[in-house]
């Protein structure tokens, strides 16, 4: 099966968008999602980022119909699917565990969903072969899951999701079981696959690098509520809350307390103790001029190093090139790049524009 979507192919399959309105969900008396509103444009890859327990997987399961919403509506492709059974929602979900049948070959695993829906064995297997080609696992079709690596199983799981040509793809941390090198490689392949195939996609992860490199937009979730939705650039450069500022970035953004020598004047009309001031390691500059500081621990991170600094008893972290890193105990001078600080209201945690 090849060709355009109209001809039944998988080369580009942008479908209708997804919209969540006032979604609430929970279990055992605990509310996990708290009135969540979210829109995903047709063909968009939205990454939902958040720590463990923030409600990411519950959000996907509500969209898929695997868990009921206690309030709110789910719209997909212009139709209200809130009350539909999972099998009637036309979504495909890729689980963290891949959930492949161990006794079936890769081809049979991919074709299984179509066969049980009475598509016919020949039609289902032709569609499975096309989906495997697109997902990059066409040479693995005669193997069983136990004979596949983690990356290969992940490709088979993606092909199984593709074969149905759904209105939305739901990916629940599909890369978390891979080692670091394979995760980086597969992340790039997943982005390329989405660019080629299209389709409205919601991808859940706790990995900030994964979120910023994969997503057209990123939705940051905390305790069942959205902190910010924006492009990767907006999330990084203009975090809407102090939580987003600290959660996105490793090492985390440094806090410049009221007595920190490098803390700039507070926003006009605000007392020093009424705001939180932060700065990312990338914006801390070591040079010939600036405020004196003492180097503490130096952490090597590939081509860069993270330098822990003591600035008159206050902490600060700088990111420097590995080749030019100072040694522990060195005396250096430090300054901040222009416009580098981020300011947040201490009570609400919301960003304060300069």
Protein backbone atom coordinates (compact mmCIF):
# COMPACT_ATOMS: atom_id res chain seq x y z
CA UNK A 1 0.00 0.00 0.00
CA UNK A 2 1.63 3.21 -1.18
CA UNK A 3 0.67 6.62 -2.44
CA UNK A 4 -1.30 9.53 -1.08
CA UNK A 5 -3.64 9.41 1.92
CA UNK A 6 -6.56 9.38 -0.46
CA UNK A 7 -5.09 6.23 -2.03
CA UNK A 8 -4.66 4.59 1.35
CA UNK A 9 -0.96 5.29 1.88
CA UNK A 10 0.87 6.46 4.98
CA UNK A 11 3.05 9.19 3.49
CA UNK A 12 1.06 12.07 5.03
CA UNK A 13 -1.90 11.60 7.32
CA UNK A 14 -2.75 14.88 9.00
CA UNK A 15 -6.12 14.42 10.70
CA UNK A 16 -8.43 16.58 12.76
CA UNK A 17 -7.21 18.32 15.90
CA UNK A 18 -7.74 17.42 19.54
CA UNK A 19 -9.36 19.59 22.21
CA UNK A 20 -9.79 19.00 25.94
CA UNK A 21 -12.25 21.14 27.89
CA UNK A 22 -12.27 21.27 31.68
CA UNK A 23 -10.99 17.71 32.10
CA UNK A 24 -11.05 16.35 35.63
CA UNK A 25 -10.05 12.81 36.51
CA UNK A 26 -8.79 10.88 39.50
CA UNK A 27 -8.96 7.73 41.57
CA UNK A 28 -9.17 6.67 45.23
CA UNK A 29 -10.56 10.06 46.14
CA UNK A 30 -7.54 11.87 44.69
CA UNK A 31 -8.02 14.32 41.84
CA UNK A 32 -5.21 13.82 39.31
CA UNK A 33 -6.34 16.21 36.56
CA UNK A 34 -7.82 19.50 37.74
CA UNK A 35 -9.95 21.24 35.12
CA UNK A 36 -7.46 20.93 32.29
CA UNK A 37 -7.98 22.81 28.99
CA UNK A 38 -5.72 21.97 26.07
CA UNK A 39 -5.86 22.19 22.26
CA UNK A 40 -3.67 20.30 19.79
CA UNK A 41 -3.73 21.50 16.18
CA UNK A 42 -4.22 19.04 13.31
CA UNK A 43 -0.89 17.43 12.49
CA UNK A 44 0.86 18.95 15.52
CA UNK A 45 3.27 17.03 17.75
CA UNK A 46 2.56 18.25 21.28
CA UNK A 47 4.82 17.01 24.07
CA UNK A 48 3.38 16.89 27.60
CA UNK A 49 6.26 17.32 30.05
CA UNK A 50 6.10 16.93 33.79
CA UNK A 51 7.50 15.12 36.83
CA UNK A 52 6.25 11.75 38.06
CA UNK A 53 2.75 12.03 39.48
CA UNK A 54 1.85 15.16 37.54
CA UNK A 55 -0.96 13.39 35.62
CA UNK A 56 0.73 12.86 32.24
CA UNK A 57 -0.25 9.22 31.71
CA UNK A 58 -3.71 9.82 33.15
CA UNK A 59 -4.20 12.55 30.55
CA UNK A 60 -3.39 10.13 27.72
CA UNK A 61 -5.62 7.43 29.17
CA UNK A 62 -8.54 9.86 29.39
CA UNK A 63 -8.07 10.80 25.73
CA UNK A 64 -7.92 7.10 24.79
CA UNK A 65 -10.98 6.26 26.90
CA UNK A 66 -9.04 3.89 29.16
CA UNK A 67 -9.93 6.03 32.19
CA UNK A 68 -13.12 8.07 32.59
CA UNK A 69 -13.14 11.81 33.04
CA UNK A 70 -15.21 12.89 36.03
CA UNK A 71 -15.89 16.20 34.28
CA UNK A 72 -15.17 17.90 30.98
CA UNK A 73 -15.25 16.97 27.30
CA UNK A 74 -12.82 15.42 24.81
CA UNK A 75 -13.13 16.49 21.17
CA UNK A 76 -11.26 14.80 18.32
CA UNK A 77 -11.54 15.71 14.67
CA UNK A 78 -14.55 17.92 15.42
CA UNK A 79 -16.59 15.24 17.22
CA UNK A 80 -17.26 14.77 20.91
CA UNK A 81 -15.73 11.40 21.88
CA UNK A 82 -16.14 11.79 25.64
CA UNK A 83 -18.67 8.99 25.98
CA UNK A 84 -17.26 6.62 23.36
CA UNK A 85 -15.62 3.31 24.17
CA UNK A 86 -11.84 3.10 23.47
CA UNK A 87 -12.35 1.03 20.34
CA UNK A 88 -14.58 3.67 18.77
CA UNK A 89 -12.33 6.68 19.37
CA UNK A 90 -9.94 6.02 16.46
CA UNK A 91 -6.77 6.72 18.44
CA UNK A 92 -3.58 4.66 18.57
CA UNK A 93 -1.52 4.44 21.75
CA UNK A 94 2.11 3.41 22.15
CA UNK A 95 2.81 2.29 25.70
CA UNK A 96 6.06 2.55 27.65
CA UNK A 97 6.22 -1.27 27.76
CA UNK A 98 5.39 -1.55 24.01
CA UNK A 99 2.77 -4.25 24.88
CA UNK A 100 3.69 -6.62 22.05
CA UNK A 101 2.39 -10.20 21.97
CA UNK A 102 5.50 -12.36 22.65
CA UNK A 103 4.22 -15.37 20.67
CA UNK A 104 3.50 -13.39 17.48
CA UNK A 105 5.95 -12.19 14.85
CA UNK A 106 6.46 -8.49 14.32
CA UNK A 107 4.24 -8.66 11.24
CA UNK A 108 1.45 -10.38 13.14
CA UNK A 109 1.74 -7.89 16.00
CA UNK A 110 1.41 -4.95 13.60
CA UNK A 111 -1.49 -6.50 11.69
CA UNK A 112 -3.36 -7.81 14.75
CA UNK A 113 -5.49 -4.72 15.36
CA UNK A 114 -6.77 -4.64 11.78
CA UNK A 115 -7.43 -8.37 11.67
CA UNK A 116 -9.60 -8.34 14.79
CA UNK A 117 -11.55 -5.47 13.24
CA UNK A 118 -12.43 -7.73 10.31
CA UNK A 119 -10.20 -5.96 7.80
CA UNK A 120 -9.30 -9.30 6.29
CA UNK A 121 -5.96 -11.09 6.68
CA UNK A 122 -4.53 -10.07 3.29
CA UNK A 123 -5.56 -6.42 3.65
CA UNK A 124 -4.27 -6.28 7.22
CA UNK A 125 -0.89 -7.78 6.33
CA UNK A 126 -0.42 -5.47 3.34
CA UNK A 127 -1.19 -2.48 5.57
CA UNK A 128 1.19 -3.84 8.22
CA UNK A 129 4.01 -4.14 5.69
CA UNK A 130 3.47 -0.54 4.59
CA UNK A 131 3.41 0.69 8.20
CA UNK A 132 6.61 -1.27 8.92
CA UNK A 133 8.29 0.38 5.93
CA UNK A 134 7.40 3.82 7.21
CA UNK A 135 8.46 3.00 10.80
CA UNK A 136 11.78 1.53 9.64
CA UNK A 137 11.24 -2.08 10.71
CA UNK A 138 10.36 -3.79 7.42
CA UNK A 139 13.36 -6.11 7.79
CA UNK A 140 12.18 -7.38 11.18
CA UNK A 141 8.75 -8.73 10.29
CA UNK A 142 9.55 -12.42 10.70
CA UNK A 143 11.02 -12.02 14.21
CA UNK A 144 9.26 -12.28 17.57
CA UNK A 145 9.63 -9.57 20.25
CA UNK A 146 12.12 -11.67 22.23
CA UNK A 147 14.45 -11.59 19.23
CA UNK A 148 14.35 -7.78 18.97
CA UNK A 149 16.33 -5.06 20.71
CA UNK A 150 14.58 -2.32 22.64
CA UNK A 151 14.84 0.09 19.71
CA UNK A 152 13.50 -2.53 17.31
CA UNK A 153 10.54 -3.31 19.58
CA UNK A 154 9.83 0.41 19.74
CA UNK A 155 9.70 0.62 15.94
CA UNK A 156 7.32 -2.32 15.78
CA UNK A 157 5.08 -0.65 18.37
CA UNK A 158 5.08 2.55 16.31
CA UNK A 159 4.22 0.60 13.15
CA UNK A 160 1.31 -1.01 14.99
CA UNK A 161 0.07 2.48 15.89
CA UNK A 162 0.53 3.73 12.32
CA UNK A 163 -1.30 0.88 10.64
CA UNK A 164 -4.73 2.01 11.84
CA UNK A 165 -4.33 5.53 10.40
CA UNK A 166 -5.96 7.04 13.49
CA UNK A 167 -7.16 10.56 14.17
CA UNK A 168 -4.54 10.89 16.95
CA UNK A 169 -1.41 9.15 18.16
CA UNK A 170 -0.84 8.91 21.92
CA UNK A 171 2.73 8.09 22.98
CA UNK A 172 3.29 7.26 26.66
CA UNK A 173 7.03 7.65 27.34
CA UNK A 174 7.95 5.31 24.46
CA UNK A 175 11.69 6.04 24.71
CA UNK A 176 12.19 5.63 28.45
CA UNK A 177 13.27 1.97 28.25
CA UNK A 178 16.11 2.70 25.82
CA UNK A 179 19.72 3.40 26.75
CA UNK A 180 21.04 6.94 26.33
CA UNK A 181 22.65 6.49 22.90
CA UNK A 182 19.69 4.63 21.42
CA UNK A 183 17.25 7.09 22.97
CA UNK A 184 18.98 9.99 21.20
CA UNK A 185 18.98 8.13 17.89
CA UNK A 186 15.37 7.00 18.18
CA UNK A 187 14.23 10.47 19.23
CA UNK A 188 15.56 11.87 15.96
CA UNK A 189 13.91 9.03 14.03
CA UNK A 190 10.60 9.66 15.78
CA UNK A 191 10.68 13.36 14.85
CA UNK A 192 11.54 12.49 11.24
CA UNK A 193 8.73 9.92 11.18
CA UNK A 194 6.21 12.50 12.37
CA UNK A 195 7.40 15.03 9.80
CA UNK A 196 6.95 12.43 7.07
CA UNK A 197 3.65 10.87 8.19
CA UNK A 198 1.99 13.73 10.06
CA UNK A 199 -0.93 13.02 12.34
CA UNK A 200 -2.07 14.78 15.50
CA UNK A 201 0.25 13.46 18.22
CA UNK A 202 0.43 13.79 22.00
CA UNK A 203 3.76 12.54 23.38
CA UNK A 204 4.23 12.23 27.15
CA UNK A 205 7.65 12.37 28.82
CA UNK A 206 9.48 13.43 31.97
CA UNK A 207 12.66 14.09 29.95
CA UNK A 208 13.12 17.80 29.22
CA UNK A 209 15.64 17.21 26.42
CA UNK A 210 13.18 14.90 24.73
CA UNK A 211 10.42 17.48 25.08
CA UNK A 212 12.42 20.42 23.73
CA UNK A 213 13.87 18.53 20.75
CA UNK A 214 10.71 16.66 19.72
CA UNK A 215 7.77 18.97 20.21
CA UNK A 216 6.23 21.59 17.96
CA UNK A 217 4.94 22.84 21.31
CA UNK A 218 5.45 21.72 24.89
CA UNK A 219 2.81 21.60 27.62
CA UNK A 220 4.32 21.60 31.12
CA UNK A 221 2.10 19.78 33.63
CA UNK A 222 2.30 20.03 37.41
CA UNK A 223 -0.08 18.40 39.89
CA UNK A 224 -2.74 17.91 37.22
CA UNK A 225 -2.75 21.51 35.97
CA UNK A 226 -0.97 23.22 33.10
CA UNK A 227 1.85 25.59 34.03
CA UNK A 228 2.65 26.69 30.47
CA UNK A 229 2.03 25.73 26.84
CA UNK A 230 4.40 27.12 24.23
CA UNK A 231 7.08 26.44 21.68
CA UNK A 232 10.37 24.97 22.96
CA UNK A 233 11.93 28.41 22.55
CA UNK A 234 9.20 30.06 24.63
CA UNK A 235 9.47 27.44 27.37
CA UNK A 236 13.24 27.94 27.58
CA UNK A 237 13.53 31.69 27.07
CA UNK A 238 10.35 32.90 28.76
CA UNK A 239 9.23 30.39 31.40
CA UNK A 240 5.78 31.45 32.58
CA UNK A 241 6.29 30.29 36.17
CA UNK A 242 9.11 29.65 38.61
CA UNK A 243 8.26 25.93 38.47
CA UNK A 244 8.82 25.83 34.69
CA UNK A 245 12.03 27.84 35.05
CA UNK A 246 13.46 25.37 37.57
CA UNK A 247 12.08 22.18 36.03
CA UNK A 248 13.34 22.87 32.50
CA UNK A 249 17.10 23.09 32.58
CA UNK A 250 19.90 20.94 33.97
CA UNK A 251 21.46 22.06 36.20
CA UNK A 252 18.45 24.01 37.34
CA UNK A 253 18.26 27.78 37.22
CA UNK A 254 20.18 29.42 40.08
CA UNK A 255 18.30 31.60 42.56
CA UNK A 256 19.70 35.05 43.25
CA UNK A 257 18.52 35.79 46.78
CA UNK A 258 17.99 39.31 48.18
CA UNK A 259 21.62 39.50 49.34
CA UNK A 260 23.25 37.97 46.28
CA UNK A 261 25.97 40.32 44.95
CA UNK A 262 24.87 39.74 41.34
CA UNK A 263 21.18 40.28 41.91
CA UNK A 264 19.97 43.28 39.90
CA UNK A 265 17.57 45.90 41.22
CA UNK A 266 14.06 44.48 41.63
CA UNK A 267 11.22 45.32 39.32
CA UNK A 268 9.93 48.84 40.06
CA UNK A 269 7.18 48.84 42.65
CA UNK A 270 8.13 45.44 44.11
CA UNK A 271 10.02 44.77 47.33
CA UNK A 272 13.07 42.51 47.20
CA UNK A 273 11.35 39.77 49.20
CA UNK A 274 8.30 39.88 46.89
CA UNK A 275 10.07 38.41 43.87
CA UNK A 276 12.22 35.43 42.95
CA UNK A 277 15.16 36.17 40.67
CA UNK A 278 16.79 33.37 38.69
CA UNK A 279 19.54 32.93 36.10
CA UNK A 280 20.49 29.97 33.91
CA UNK A 281 24.07 28.60 33.95
CA UNK A 282 24.51 29.61 30.29
CA UNK A 283 24.12 33.28 31.24
CA UNK A 284 26.82 33.28 33.92
CA UNK A 285 30.08 34.67 32.49
CA UNK A 286 33.57 34.04 33.85
CA UNK A 287 36.06 36.68 32.73
CA UNK A 288 38.67 39.25 33.61
CA UNK A 289 36.15 41.59 35.22
CA UNK A 290 33.17 41.22 37.51
CA UNK A 291 32.41 40.14 41.05
CA UNK A 292 35.03 37.94 42.82
CA UNK A 293 34.04 34.30 43.37
CA UNK A 294 35.60 31.04 44.50
CA UNK A 295 35.28 27.86 42.44
CA UNK A 296 33.79 24.90 44.24
CA UNK A 297 32.96 21.63 42.48
CA UNK A 298 33.57 21.36 38.73
CA UNK A 299 31.38 18.85 36.87
CA UNK A 300 32.48 17.67 33.42
CA UNK A 301 29.56 17.26 30.97
CA UNK A 302 30.97 16.39 27.56
CA UNK A 303 32.20 19.48 25.74
CA UNK A 304 31.09 21.70 28.65
CA UNK A 305 31.65 21.86 32.37
CA UNK A 306 29.37 23.12 35.14
CA UNK A 307 31.19 25.24 37.69
CA UNK A 308 29.77 25.65 41.19
CA UNK A 309 30.67 29.09 42.51
CA UNK A 310 30.71 30.75 45.92
CA UNK A 311 29.98 34.45 45.44
CA UNK A 312 30.37 36.11 48.87
CA UNK A 313 28.66 33.13 50.50
CA UNK A 314 25.95 32.87 47.83
CA UNK A 315 25.71 29.97 45.35
CA UNK A 316 25.83 30.24 41.56
CA UNK A 317 26.33 27.77 38.70
CA UNK A 318 28.12 28.64 35.44
CA UNK A 319 28.34 26.67 32.21
CA UNK A 320 31.76 27.00 30.56
CA UNK A 321 33.67 25.27 27.73
CA UNK A 322 35.48 22.18 28.96
CA UNK A 323 38.84 23.36 27.64
CA UNK A 324 38.69 26.65 29.55
CA UNK A 325 37.28 25.40 32.84
CA UNK A 326 38.83 26.60 36.11
CA UNK A 327 39.90 24.22 38.87
CA UNK A 328 38.30 23.77 42.25
CA UNK A 329 39.60 26.43 44.64
CA UNK A 330 40.45 28.96 41.91
CA UNK A 331 39.55 32.59 42.39
CA UNK A 332 37.66 33.99 39.41
CA UNK A 333 35.51 36.95 38.48
CA UNK A 334 31.92 36.50 37.41
CA UNK A 335 29.18 38.59 35.78
CA UNK A 336 25.82 38.03 34.13
CA UNK A 337 25.00 38.36 30.45
CA UNK A 338 22.75 41.36 29.66
CA UNK A 339 19.06 40.61 30.10
CA UNK A 340 19.86 37.20 31.57
CA UNK A 341 17.76 37.25 34.74
CA UNK A 342 14.21 35.94 35.06
CA UNK A 343 11.89 37.46 37.65
CA UNK A 344 8.85 35.77 39.24
CA UNK A 345 6.28 36.81 41.80
CA UNK A 346 7.19 35.11 45.08
CA UNK A 347 3.57 34.47 46.10
CA UNK A 348 2.09 33.17 42.84
CA UNK A 349 5.23 31.97 41.07
CA UNK A 350 4.09 33.77 37.90
CA UNK A 351 6.59 35.50 35.64
CA UNK A 352 7.04 39.23 36.12
CA UNK A 353 7.88 41.06 32.92
CA UNK A 354 10.72 43.63 33.28
